[in-house]
Amino acid sequence: MGEPAGTMSESVPQSFEQKLGRIDEIVKQLESNSVPLDKAVELFQEGKRLSAECEALLKNAQATLDKAMEDTAK
């Protein structure tokens, strides 16, 4: 809806594990040296965005665990 078929948004990774898997795919593509420069830049940007999202998810999980530990210590 609204975006043409074949865009990145049709298979946007949602879970932490999916995001991490996509980052791994991006690294492999970039390391293959077979990606044109413009595509490599797009992949790099996607990887940076996914990395930031993963970091936020990890921080949120850590905060949740810290709170749970505080609650059980009371």
PDB file of N, CA and C in Angstrom:
ATOM      1  N   MET A   1       0.831  -1.184   0.000  1.00  0.00           N
ATOM      2  CA  MET A   1       0.000   0.000   0.000  1.00  0.00           C
ATOM      3  C   MET A   1       0.874   1.244   0.000  1.00  0.00           C
ATOM      4  N   GLY A   2       0.907   1.937  -1.084  1.00  0.00           N
ATOM      5  CA  GLY A   2       1.654   3.167  -1.133  1.00  0.00           C
ATOM      6  C   GLY A   2       3.090   3.009  -1.584  1.00  0.00           C
ATOM      7  N   GLU A   3       3.715   1.889  -1.288  1.00  0.00           N
ATOM      8  CA  GLU A   3       5.107   1.682  -1.703  1.00  0.00           C
ATOM      9  C   GLU A   3       5.155   0.589  -2.760  1.00  0.00           C
ATOM     10  N   PRO A   4       5.987   0.761  -3.765  1.00  0.00           N
ATOM     11  CA  PRO A   4       6.079  -0.246  -4.823  1.00  0.00           C
ATOM     12  C   PRO A   4       6.655  -1.557  -4.299  1.00  0.00           C
ATOM     13  N   ALA A   5       6.285  -2.639  -4.967  1.00  0.00           N
ATOM     14  CA  ALA A   5       6.823  -3.950  -4.601  1.00  0.00           C
ATOM     15  C   ALA A   5       8.334  -3.940  -4.758  1.00  0.00           C
ATOM     16  N   GLY A   6       9.004  -4.679  -3.882  1.00  0.00           N
ATOM     17  CA  GLY A   6      10.449  -4.773  -3.977  1.00  0.00           C
ATOM     18  C   GLY A   6      11.182  -3.790  -3.104  1.00  0.00           C
ATOM     19  N   THR A   7      10.457  -2.957  -2.362  1.00  0.00           N
ATOM     20  CA  THR A   7      11.133  -2.028  -1.469  1.00  0.00           C
ATOM     21  C   THR A   7      11.507  -2.748  -0.190  1.00  0.00           C
ATOM     22  N   MET A   8      12.427  -2.144   0.555  1.00  0.00           N
ATOM     23  CA  MET A   8      12.901  -2.754   1.790  1.00  0.00           C
ATOM     24  C   MET A   8      11.784  -2.893   2.814  1.00  0.00           C
ATOM     25  N   SER A   9      10.758  -2.025   2.758  1.00  0.00           N
ATOM     26  CA  SER A   9       9.744  -2.011   3.795  1.00  0.00           C
ATOM     27  C   SER A   9       8.848  -3.244   3.785  1.00  0.00           C
ATOM     28  N   GLU A  10       8.811  -3.974   2.681  1.00  0.00           N
ATOM     29  CA  GLU A  10       7.928  -5.132   2.660  1.00  0.00           C
ATOM     30  C   GLU A  10       8.463  -6.282   3.505  1.00  0.00           C
ATOM     31  N   SER A  11       9.737  -6.256   3.866  1.00  0.00           N
ATOM     32  CA  SER A  11      10.283  -7.303   4.728  1.00  0.00           C
ATOM     33  C   SER A  11      11.141  -6.694   5.831  1.00  0.00           C
ATOM     34  N   VAL A  12      10.611  -5.644   6.456  1.00  0.00           N
ATOM     35  CA  VAL A  12      11.343  -4.965   7.523  1.00  0.00           C
ATOM     36  C   VAL A  12      11.400  -5.890   8.732  1.00  0.00           C
ATOM     37  N   PRO A  13      12.617  -6.180   9.220  1.00  0.00           N
ATOM     38  CA  PRO A  13      12.728  -7.058  10.394  1.00  0.00           C
ATOM     39  C   PRO A  13      12.113  -6.396  11.619  1.00  0.00           C
ATOM     40  N   GLN A  14      11.339  -7.161  12.392  1.00  0.00           N
ATOM     41  CA  GLN A  14      10.627  -6.610  13.533  1.00  0.00           C
ATOM     42  C   GLN A  14      11.271  -6.977  14.866  1.00  0.00           C
ATOM     43  N   SER A  15      11.653  -8.214  15.045  1.00  0.00           N
ATOM     44  CA  SER A  15      12.209  -8.634  16.326  1.00  0.00           C
ATOM     45  C   SER A  15      13.717  -8.343  16.370  1.00  0.00           C
ATOM     46  N   PHE A  16      14.248  -8.358  17.575  1.00  0.00           N
ATOM     47  CA  PHE A  16      15.684  -8.168  17.754  1.00  0.00           C
ATOM     48  C   PHE A  16      16.450  -9.183  16.911  1.00  0.00           C
ATOM     49  N   GLU A  17      16.018 -10.439  16.978  1.00  0.00           N
ATOM     50  CA  GLU A  17      16.709 -11.511  16.250  1.00  0.00           C
ATOM     51  C   GLU A  17      16.644 -11.297  14.746  1.00  0.00           C
ATOM     52  N   GLN A  18      15.494 -10.823  14.251  1.00  0.00           N
ATOM     53  CA  GLN A  18      15.358 -10.553  12.821  1.00  0.00           C
ATOM     54  C   GLN A  18      16.268  -9.396  12.407  1.00  0.00           C
ATOM     55  N   LYS A  19      16.308  -8.366  13.237  1.00  0.00           N
ATOM     56  CA  LYS A  19      17.164  -7.216  12.943  1.00  0.00           C
ATOM     57  C   LYS A  19      18.633  -7.635  12.915  1.00  0.00           C
ATOM     58  N   LEU A  20      19.035  -8.435  13.894  1.00  0.00           N
ATOM     59  CA  LEU A  20      20.413  -8.911  13.956  1.00  0.00           C
ATOM     60  C   LEU A  20      20.746  -9.783  12.741  1.00  0.00           C
ATOM     61  N   GLY A  21      19.806 -10.619  12.338  1.00  0.00           N
ATOM     62  CA  GLY A  21      19.996 -11.441  11.150  1.00  0.00           C
ATOM     63  C   GLY A  21      20.163 -10.605   9.898  1.00  0.00           C
ATOM     64  N   ARG A  22      19.367  -9.542   9.801  1.00  0.00           N
ATOM     65  CA  ARG A  22      19.471  -8.645   8.637  1.00  0.00           C
ATOM     66  C   ARG A  22      20.815  -7.932   8.635  1.00  0.00           C
ATOM     67  N   ILE A  23      21.281  -7.509   9.812  1.00  0.00           N
ATOM     68  CA  ILE A  23      22.607  -6.881   9.900  1.00  0.00           C
ATOM     69  C   ILE A  23      23.669  -7.850   9.399  1.00  0.00           C
ATOM     70  N   ASP A  24      23.560  -9.110   9.789  1.00  0.00           N
ATOM     71  CA  ASP A  24      24.516 -10.132   9.339  1.00  0.00           C
ATOM     72  C   ASP A  24      24.489 -10.267   7.814  1.00  0.00           C
ATOM     73  N   GLU A  25      23.282 -10.265   7.242  1.00  0.00           N
ATOM     74  CA  GLU A  25      23.155 -10.336   5.775  1.00  0.00           C
ATOM     75  C   GLU A  25      23.833  -9.137   5.112  1.00  0.00           C
ATOM     76  N   ILE A  26      23.622  -7.956   5.686  1.00  0.00           N
ATOM     77  CA  ILE A  26      24.199  -6.735   5.131  1.00  0.00           C
ATOM     78  C   ILE A  26      25.726  -6.803   5.175  1.00  0.00           C
ATOM     79  N   VAL A  27      26.270  -7.242   6.303  1.00  0.00           N
ATOM     80  CA  VAL A  27      27.731  -7.359   6.436  1.00  0.00           C
ATOM     81  C   VAL A  27      28.283  -8.308   5.375  1.00  0.00           C
ATOM     82  N   LYS A  28      27.630  -9.442   5.185  1.00  0.00           N
ATOM     83  CA  LYS A  28      28.093 -10.409   4.181  1.00  0.00           C
ATOM     84  C   LYS A  28      28.062  -9.808   2.781  1.00  0.00           C
ATOM     85  N   GLN A  29      26.989  -9.055   2.479  1.00  0.00           N
ATOM     86  CA  GLN A  29      26.900  -8.420   1.157  1.00  0.00           C
ATOM     87  C   GLN A  29      28.025  -7.403   0.973  1.00  0.00           C
ATOM     88  N   LEU A  30      28.258  -6.591   1.995  1.00  0.00           N
ATOM     89  CA  LEU A  30      29.294  -5.568   1.886  1.00  0.00           C
ATOM     90  C   LEU A  30      30.685  -6.192   1.804  1.00  0.00           C
ATOM     91  N   GLU A  31      30.897  -7.274   2.536  1.00  0.00           N
ATOM     92  CA  GLU A  31      32.204  -7.939   2.508  1.00  0.00           C
ATOM     93  C   GLU A  31      32.467  -8.655   1.192  1.00  0.00           C
ATOM     94  N   SER A  32      31.427  -8.942   0.435  1.00  0.00           N
ATOM     95  CA  SER A  32      31.597  -9.658  -0.829  1.00  0.00           C
ATOM     96  C   SER A  32      32.241  -8.788  -1.905  1.00  0.00           C
ATOM     97  N   ASN A  33      32.258  -7.476  -1.691  1.00  0.00           N
ATOM     98  CA  ASN A  33      32.823  -6.524  -2.648  1.00  0.00           C
ATOM     99  C   ASN A  33      32.167  -6.595  -4.025  1.00  0.00           C
ATOM    100  N   SER A  34      30.947  -7.140  -4.081  1.00  0.00           N
ATOM    101  CA  SER A  34      30.267  -7.243  -5.372  1.00  0.00           C
ATOM    102  C   SER A  34      29.070  -6.302  -5.459  1.00  0.00           C
ATOM    103  N   VAL A  35      28.952  -5.404  -4.488  1.00  0.00           N
ATOM    104  CA  VAL A  35      27.824  -4.479  -4.445  1.00  0.00           C
ATOM    105  C   VAL A  35      28.270  -3.132  -5.015  1.00  0.00           C
ATOM    106  N   PRO A  36      27.490  -2.572  -5.935  1.00  0.00           N
ATOM    107  CA  PRO A  36      27.828  -1.246  -6.452  1.00  0.00           C
ATOM    108  C   PRO A  36      27.841  -0.212  -5.319  1.00  0.00           C
ATOM    109  N   LEU A  37      28.599   0.845  -5.495  1.00  0.00           N
ATOM    110  CA  LEU A  37      28.789   1.846  -4.459  1.00  0.00           C
ATOM    111  C   LEU A  37      27.476   2.405  -3.919  1.00  0.00           C
ATOM    112  N   ASP A  38      26.552   2.777  -4.810  1.00  0.00           N
ATOM    113  CA  ASP A  38      25.291   3.361  -4.337  1.00  0.00           C
ATOM    114  C   ASP A  38      24.496   2.374  -3.488  1.00  0.00           C
ATOM    115  N   LYS A  39      24.503   1.115  -3.870  1.00  0.00           N
ATOM    116  CA  LYS A  39      23.822   0.074  -3.089  1.00  0.00           C
ATOM    117  C   LYS A  39      24.555  -0.161  -1.769  1.00  0.00           C
ATOM    118  N   ALA A  40      25.880  -0.111  -1.792  1.00  0.00           N
ATOM    119  CA  ALA A  40      26.669  -0.289  -0.573  1.00  0.00           C
ATOM    120  C   ALA A  40      26.353   0.811   0.437  1.00  0.00           C
ATOM    121  N   VAL A  41      26.188   2.032  -0.042  1.00  0.00           N
ATOM    122  CA  VAL A  41      25.848   3.147   0.845  1.00  0.00           C
ATOM    123  C   VAL A  41      24.464   2.918   1.459  1.00  0.00           C
ATOM    124  N   GLU A  42      23.501   2.485   0.640  1.00  0.00           N
ATOM    125  CA  GLU A  42      22.154   2.184   1.141  1.00  0.00           C
ATOM    126  C   GLU A  42      22.204   1.078   2.200  1.00  0.00           C
ATOM    127  N   LEU A  43      22.955   0.029   1.918  1.00  0.00           N
ATOM    128  CA  LEU A  43      23.068  -1.076   2.865  1.00  0.00           C
ATOM    129  C   LEU A  43      23.719  -0.622   4.167  1.00  0.00           C
ATOM    130  N   PHE A  44      24.763   0.203   4.049  1.00  0.00           N
ATOM    131  CA  PHE A  44      25.433   0.717   5.235  1.00  0.00           C
ATOM    132  C   PHE A  44      24.460   1.521   6.096  1.00  0.00           C
ATOM    133  N   GLN A  45      23.687   2.386   5.450  1.00  0.00           N
ATOM    134  CA  GLN A  45      22.712   3.197   6.183  1.00  0.00           C
ATOM    135  C   GLN A  45      21.654   2.326   6.857  1.00  0.00           C
ATOM    136  N   GLU A  46      21.185   1.312   6.155  1.00  0.00           N
ATOM    137  CA  GLU A  46      20.213   0.383   6.738  1.00  0.00           C
ATOM    138  C   GLU A  46      20.827  -0.336   7.940  1.00  0.00           C
ATOM    139  N   GLY A  47      22.066  -0.769   7.799  1.00  0.00           N
ATOM    140  CA  GLY A  47      22.747  -1.451   8.890  1.00  0.00           C
ATOM    141  C   GLY A  47      22.913  -0.560  10.105  1.00  0.00           C
ATOM    142  N   LYS A  48      23.269   0.711   9.893  1.00  0.00           N
ATOM    143  CA  LYS A  48      23.400   1.658  11.007  1.00  0.00           C
ATOM    144  C   LYS A  48      22.061   1.856  11.712  1.00  0.00           C
ATOM    145  N   ARG A  49      20.987   1.968  10.923  1.00  0.00           N
ATOM    146  CA  ARG A  49      19.657   2.157  11.509  1.00  0.00           C
ATOM    147  C   ARG A  49      19.252   0.935  12.330  1.00  0.00           C
ATOM    148  N   LEU A  50      19.475  -0.243  11.761  1.00  0.00           N
ATOM    149  CA  LEU A  50      19.131  -1.475  12.469  1.00  0.00           C
ATOM    150  C   LEU A  50      19.980  -1.640  13.731  1.00  0.00           C
ATOM    151  N   SER A  51      21.233  -1.259  13.648  1.00  0.00           N
ATOM    152  CA  SER A  51      22.120  -1.328  14.809  1.00  0.00           C
ATOM    153  C   SER A  51      21.606  -0.447  15.939  1.00  0.00           C
ATOM    154  N   ALA A  52      21.177   0.756  15.593  1.00  0.00           N
ATOM    155  CA  ALA A  52      20.632   1.673  16.602  1.00  0.00           C
ATOM    156  C   ALA A  52      19.343   1.108  17.210  1.00  0.00           C
ATOM    157  N   GLU A  53      18.507   0.505  16.372  1.00  0.00           N
ATOM    158  CA  GLU A  53      17.270  -0.099  16.868  1.00  0.00           C
ATOM    159  C   GLU A  53      17.576  -1.267  17.809  1.00  0.00           C
ATOM    160  N   CYS A  54      18.566  -2.077  17.457  1.00  0.00           N
ATOM    161  CA  CYS A  54      18.962  -3.196  18.317  1.00  0.00           C
ATOM    162  C   CYS A  54      19.500  -2.694  19.652  1.00  0.00           C
ATOM    163  N   GLU A  55      20.304  -1.638  19.595  1.00  0.00           N
ATOM    164  CA  GLU A  55      20.848  -1.072  20.825  1.00  0.00           C
ATOM    165  C   GLU A  55      19.723  -0.575  21.738  1.00  0.00           C
ATOM    166  N   ALA A  56      18.713   0.067  21.152  1.00  0.00           N
ATOM    167  CA  ALA A  56      17.579   0.555  21.937  1.00  0.00           C
ATOM    168  C   ALA A  56      16.803  -0.618  22.548  1.00  0.00           C
ATOM    169  N   LEU A  57      16.619  -1.676  21.778  1.00  0.00           N
ATOM    170  CA  LEU A  57      15.927  -2.854  22.298  1.00  0.00           C
ATOM    171  C   LEU A  57      16.703  -3.486  23.448  1.00  0.00           C
ATOM    172  N   LEU A  58      18.023  -3.552  23.316  1.00  0.00           N
ATOM    173  CA  LEU A  58      18.855  -4.115  24.385  1.00  0.00           C
ATOM    174  C   LEU A  58      18.800  -3.261  25.646  1.00  0.00           C
ATOM    175  N   LYS A  59      18.851  -1.944  25.479  1.00  0.00           N
ATOM    176  CA  LYS A  59      18.772  -1.054  26.639  1.00  0.00           C
ATOM    177  C   LYS A  59      17.428  -1.198  27.342  1.00  0.00           C
ATOM    178  N   ASN A  60      16.364  -1.322  26.558  1.00  0.00           N
ATOM    179  CA  ASN A  60      15.036  -1.508  27.129  1.00  0.00           C
ATOM    180  C   ASN A  60      14.948  -2.838  27.876  1.00  0.00           C
ATOM    181  N   ALA A  61      15.495  -3.884  27.292  1.00  0.00           N
ATOM    182  CA  ALA A  61      15.496  -5.197  27.951  1.00  0.00           C
ATOM    183  C   ALA A  61      16.299  -5.138  29.246  1.00  0.00           C
ATOM    184  N   GLN A  62      17.434  -4.462  29.218  1.00  0.00           N
ATOM    185  CA  GLN A  62      18.261  -4.328  30.422  1.00  0.00           C
ATOM    186  C   GLN A  62      17.508  -3.581  31.512  1.00  0.00           C
ATOM    187  N   ALA A  63      16.818  -2.516  31.149  1.00  0.00           N
ATOM    188  CA  ALA A  63      16.042  -1.743  32.126  1.00  0.00           C
ATOM    189  C   ALA A  63      14.923  -2.595  32.722  1.00  0.00           C
ATOM    190  N   THR A  64      14.278  -3.389  31.888  1.00  0.00           N
ATOM    191  CA  THR A  64      13.219  -4.277  32.362  1.00  0.00           C
ATOM    192  C   THR A  64      13.772  -5.301  33.343  1.00  0.00           C
ATOM    193  N   LEU A  65      14.928  -5.885  33.011  1.00  0.00           N
ATOM    194  CA  LEU A  65      15.557  -6.864  33.906  1.00  0.00           C
ATOM    195  C   LEU A  65      16.015  -6.218  35.204  1.00  0.00           C
ATOM    196  N   ASP A  66      16.585  -5.023  35.106  1.00  0.00           N
ATOM    197  CA  ASP A  66      17.029  -4.316  36.311  1.00  0.00           C
ATOM    198  C   ASP A  66      15.847  -4.056  37.235  1.00  0.00           C
ATOM    199  N   LYS A  67      14.713  -3.625  36.660  1.00  0.00           N
ATOM    200  CA  LYS A  67      13.519  -3.360  37.462  1.00  0.00           C
ATOM    201  C   LYS A  67      13.011  -4.648  38.093  1.00  0.00           C
ATOM    202  N   ALA A  68      13.004  -5.716  37.337  1.00  0.00           N
ATOM    203  CA  ALA A  68      12.540  -7.001  37.873  1.00  0.00           C
ATOM    204  C   ALA A  68      13.427  -7.454  39.030  1.00  0.00           C
ATOM    205  N   MET A  69      14.721  -7.252  38.895  1.00  0.00           N
ATOM    206  CA  MET A  69      15.653  -7.629  39.966  1.00  0.00           C
ATOM    207  C   MET A  69      15.415  -6.767  41.202  1.00  0.00           C
ATOM    208  N   GLU A  70      15.147  -5.479  41.011  1.00  0.00           N
ATOM    209  CA  GLU A  70      14.863  -4.584  42.143  1.00  0.00           C
ATOM    210  C   GLU A  70      13.573  -5.015  42.842  1.00  0.00           C
ATOM    211  N   ASP A  71      12.555  -5.372  42.046  1.00  0.00           N
ATOM    212  CA  ASP A  71      11.266  -5.778  42.605  1.00  0.00           C
ATOM    213  C   ASP A  71      11.388  -7.051  43.426  1.00  0.00           C
ATOM    214  N   THR A  72      12.223  -7.985  42.958  1.00  0.00           N
ATOM    215  CA  THR A  72      12.352  -9.254  43.692  1.00  0.00           C
ATOM    216  C   THR A  72      13.260  -9.101  44.908  1.00  0.00           C
ATOM    217  N   ALA A  73      14.077  -8.068  44.934  1.00  0.00           N
ATOM    218  CA  ALA A  73      14.987  -7.860  46.069  1.00  0.00           C
ATOM    219  C   ALA A  73      14.278  -7.216  47.250  1.00  0.00           C
ATOM    220  N   LYS A  74      13.088  -6.686  47.023  1.00  0.00           N
ATOM    221  CA  LYS A  74      12.362  -5.991  48.086  1.00  0.00           C
ATOM    222  C   LYS A  74      11.664  -6.949  49.015  1.00  0.00           C
TER     223      LYS A  74
END
